[in-house]
């Protein structure tokens, strides 16, 4: 059983460029939001965050204010960067995103993926 749940905000090691990330994939250790947990495989589907507002202007994002869910600065959930990661990439848990903000991310993600 996974120790993580949907809406958890985790510090995740996405790898370092250019060895483990390609092109415009998010890299390095950064916060990420858990949007789905696969119990049997120890995989998490996550949406990474960025604190750089200028980098998100043309993409489907949700702004989460500082001091929400354990985030220390204003952050943008990068819904276009959704990906599966192993629980082994998790460094620590920061907190849990409140239900309203979590549903906003899920809605933007669903629209982006045309679900």
C-alpha atoms as a PDB file:
ATOM      1  CA  UNK A   1       0.000   0.000   0.000  1.00  0.00           C
ATOM      2  CA  UNK A   2       1.287   3.460  -0.908  1.00  0.00           C
ATOM      3  CA  UNK A   3       1.977   5.917   1.877  1.00  0.00           C
ATOM      4  CA  UNK A   4       0.915   8.748  -0.447  1.00  0.00           C
ATOM      5  CA  UNK A   5      -2.542   9.940  -1.453  1.00  0.00           C
ATOM      6  CA  UNK A   6      -4.153  12.128  -4.056  1.00  0.00           C
ATOM      7  CA  UNK A   7      -3.618  15.827  -3.306  1.00  0.00           C
ATOM      8  CA  UNK A   8      -0.335  15.231  -1.465  1.00  0.00           C
ATOM      9  CA  UNK A   9       2.455  17.637  -2.364  1.00  0.00           C
ATOM     10  CA  UNK A  10       5.812  15.882  -2.480  1.00  0.00           C
ATOM     11  CA  UNK A  11       9.399  16.824  -3.221  1.00  0.00           C
ATOM     12  CA  UNK A  12      10.238  14.662  -6.250  1.00  0.00           C
ATOM     13  CA  UNK A  13      13.586  14.106  -7.969  1.00  0.00           C
ATOM     14  CA  UNK A  14      12.803  14.430 -11.686  1.00  0.00           C
ATOM     15  CA  UNK A  15      16.438  13.865 -12.648  1.00  0.00           C
ATOM     16  CA  UNK A  16      19.015  16.302 -13.894  1.00  0.00           C
ATOM     17  CA  UNK A  17      19.459  17.653 -17.386  1.00  0.00           C
ATOM     18  CA  UNK A  18      20.792  16.308 -19.706  1.00  0.00           C
ATOM     19  CA  UNK A  19      21.333  12.877 -18.176  1.00  0.00           C
ATOM     20  CA  UNK A  20      17.804  12.065 -17.003  1.00  0.00           C
ATOM     21  CA  UNK A  21      15.537  14.696 -18.580  1.00  0.00           C
ATOM     22  CA  UNK A  22      15.024  15.444 -22.246  1.00  0.00           C
ATOM     23  CA  UNK A  23      13.945  18.528 -24.169  1.00  0.00           C
ATOM     24  CA  UNK A  24      11.608  20.682 -22.116  1.00  0.00           C
ATOM     25  CA  UNK A  25      10.795  18.059 -19.456  1.00  0.00           C
ATOM     26  CA  UNK A  26      10.851  19.350 -15.904  1.00  0.00           C
ATOM     27  CA  UNK A  27      14.023  18.336 -14.105  1.00  0.00           C
ATOM     28  CA  UNK A  28      15.738  18.500 -10.725  1.00  0.00           C
ATOM     29  CA  UNK A  29      14.169  18.158  -7.270  1.00  0.00           C
ATOM     30  CA  UNK A  30      10.929  20.144  -7.121  1.00  0.00           C
ATOM     31  CA  UNK A  31       7.456  19.999  -5.573  1.00  0.00           C
ATOM     32  CA  UNK A  32       4.831  17.912  -7.362  1.00  0.00           C
ATOM     33  CA  UNK A  33       1.151  17.226  -6.788  1.00  0.00           C
ATOM     34  CA  UNK A  34      -0.079  13.621  -6.632  1.00  0.00           C
ATOM     35  CA  UNK A  35      -3.130  13.231  -8.896  1.00  0.00           C
ATOM     36  CA  UNK A  36      -3.276   9.414  -8.911  1.00  0.00           C
ATOM     37  CA  UNK A  37      -1.732   6.530  -6.955  1.00  0.00           C
ATOM     38  CA  UNK A  38      -1.195   3.035  -8.354  1.00  0.00           C
ATOM     39  CA  UNK A  39      -0.976   0.844  -5.249  1.00  0.00           C
ATOM     40  CA  UNK A  40       0.387  -2.356  -6.787  1.00  0.00           C
ATOM     41  CA  UNK A  41       3.153  -0.794  -8.856  1.00  0.00           C
ATOM     42  CA  UNK A  42       4.336   1.952  -6.457  1.00  0.00           C
ATOM     43  CA  UNK A  43       3.819   4.504  -9.231  1.00  0.00           C
ATOM     44  CA  UNK A  44       2.414   7.981  -8.738  1.00  0.00           C
ATOM     45  CA  UNK A  45       0.959  10.260 -11.387  1.00  0.00           C
ATOM     46  CA  UNK A  46       2.154  13.751 -10.531  1.00  0.00           C
ATOM     47  CA  UNK A  47       1.948  17.313 -11.786  1.00  0.00           C
ATOM     48  CA  UNK A  48       5.194  19.212 -11.127  1.00  0.00           C
ATOM     49  CA  UNK A  49       5.259  22.779  -9.838  1.00  0.00           C
ATOM     50  CA  UNK A  50       7.361  25.749 -10.930  1.00  0.00           C
ATOM     51  CA  UNK A  51       7.912  28.972  -9.020  1.00  0.00           C
ATOM     52  CA  UNK A  52       8.773  30.848 -12.224  1.00  0.00           C
ATOM     53  CA  UNK A  53       5.707  32.644 -13.521  1.00  0.00           C
ATOM     54  CA  UNK A  54       7.336  33.758 -16.768  1.00  0.00           C
ATOM     55  CA  UNK A  55       7.826  30.141 -17.820  1.00  0.00           C
ATOM     56  CA  UNK A  56       4.142  29.229 -17.733  1.00  0.00           C
ATOM     57  CA  UNK A  57       2.384  31.859 -19.825  1.00  0.00           C
ATOM     58  CA  UNK A  58       1.391  29.657 -22.789  1.00  0.00           C
ATOM     59  CA  UNK A  59       0.551  26.482 -20.881  1.00  0.00           C
ATOM     60  CA  UNK A  60      -2.348  25.061 -18.845  1.00  0.00           C
ATOM     61  CA  UNK A  61      -1.379  25.905 -15.271  1.00  0.00           C
ATOM     62  CA  UNK A  62      -2.977  26.567 -11.895  1.00  0.00           C
ATOM     63  CA  UNK A  63      -1.417  29.108  -9.542  1.00  0.00           C
ATOM     64  CA  UNK A  64      -1.172  27.979  -5.927  1.00  0.00           C
ATOM     65  CA  UNK A  65      -0.282  30.701  -3.397  1.00  0.00           C
ATOM     66  CA  UNK A  66       2.624  30.392  -0.983  1.00  0.00           C
ATOM     67  CA  UNK A  67       1.877  28.704   2.347  1.00  0.00           C
ATOM     68  CA  UNK A  68      -0.700  26.399   0.764  1.00  0.00           C
ATOM     69  CA  UNK A  69      -0.166  22.658   1.108  1.00  0.00           C
ATOM     70  CA  UNK A  70       3.397  23.098   2.296  1.00  0.00           C
ATOM     71  CA  UNK A  71       4.567  25.235  -0.639  1.00  0.00           C
ATOM     72  CA  UNK A  72       6.892  28.018   0.525  1.00  0.00           C
ATOM     73  CA  UNK A  73       6.393  30.321  -2.473  1.00  0.00           C
ATOM     74  CA  UNK A  74       3.794  31.062  -5.107  1.00  0.00           C
ATOM     75  CA  UNK A  75       3.864  28.080  -7.460  1.00  0.00           C
ATOM     76  CA  UNK A  76       2.255  27.022 -10.713  1.00  0.00           C
ATOM     77  CA  UNK A  77       1.001  23.468 -11.247  1.00  0.00           C
ATOM     78  CA  UNK A  78       2.303  22.583 -14.721  1.00  0.00           C
ATOM     79  CA  UNK A  79      -0.570  20.442 -16.000  1.00  0.00           C
ATOM     80  CA  UNK A  80       1.125  19.972 -19.390  1.00  0.00           C
ATOM     81  CA  UNK A  81       4.039  18.235 -17.600  1.00  0.00           C
ATOM     82  CA  UNK A  82       1.955  15.461 -15.966  1.00  0.00           C
ATOM     83  CA  UNK A  83       3.883  12.188 -15.661  1.00  0.00           C
ATOM     84  CA  UNK A  84       4.238   8.916 -13.786  1.00  0.00           C
ATOM     85  CA  UNK A  85       7.098   8.532 -11.325  1.00  0.00           C
ATOM     86  CA  UNK A  86       8.271   5.790  -9.017  1.00  0.00           C
ATOM     87  CA  UNK A  87       7.796   6.351  -5.297  1.00  0.00           C
ATOM     88  CA  UNK A  88      11.577   5.927  -5.117  1.00  0.00           C
ATOM     89  CA  UNK A  89      11.898   9.437  -6.639  1.00  0.00           C
ATOM     90  CA  UNK A  90      10.096  10.995  -3.642  1.00  0.00           C
ATOM     91  CA  UNK A  91      12.385  12.825  -1.220  1.00  0.00           C
ATOM     92  CA  UNK A  92       9.756  13.924   1.329  1.00  0.00           C
ATOM     93  CA  UNK A  93       6.175  15.070   1.743  1.00  0.00           C
ATOM     94  CA  UNK A  94       5.521  18.789   2.072  1.00  0.00           C
ATOM     95  CA  UNK A  95       1.806  18.725   2.806  1.00  0.00           C
ATOM     96  CA  UNK A  96      -1.601  18.244   1.229  1.00  0.00           C
ATOM     97  CA  UNK A  97      -3.346  20.594  -1.177  1.00  0.00           C
ATOM     98  CA  UNK A  98      -6.789  21.723   0.045  1.00  0.00           C
ATOM     99  CA  UNK A  99      -9.759  20.201  -1.793  1.00  0.00           C
ATOM    100  CA  UNK A 100     -10.753  23.362  -3.690  1.00  0.00           C
ATOM    101  CA  UNK A 101      -7.291  23.901  -5.162  1.00  0.00           C
ATOM    102  CA  UNK A 102      -6.894  20.190  -5.907  1.00  0.00           C
ATOM    103  CA  UNK A 103     -10.164  20.148  -7.848  1.00  0.00           C
ATOM    104  CA  UNK A 104      -9.014  23.196  -9.835  1.00  0.00           C
ATOM    105  CA  UNK A 105      -5.868  21.330 -10.905  1.00  0.00           C
ATOM    106  CA  UNK A 106      -7.865  18.198 -11.777  1.00  0.00           C
ATOM    107  CA  UNK A 107     -10.290  20.278 -13.861  1.00  0.00           C
ATOM    108  CA  UNK A 108      -7.498  21.998 -15.825  1.00  0.00           C
ATOM    109  CA  UNK A 109      -5.730  18.660 -16.283  1.00  0.00           C
ATOM    110  CA  UNK A 110      -8.931  17.008 -17.538  1.00  0.00           C
ATOM    111  CA  UNK A 111      -9.550  19.844 -19.992  1.00  0.00           C
ATOM    112  CA  UNK A 112      -5.946  19.729 -21.221  1.00  0.00           C
ATOM    113  CA  UNK A 113      -6.096  15.949 -21.770  1.00  0.00           C
ATOM    114  CA  UNK A 114      -9.608  16.252 -23.237  1.00  0.00           C
ATOM    115  CA  UNK A 115     -11.011  13.676 -20.797  1.00  0.00           C
END
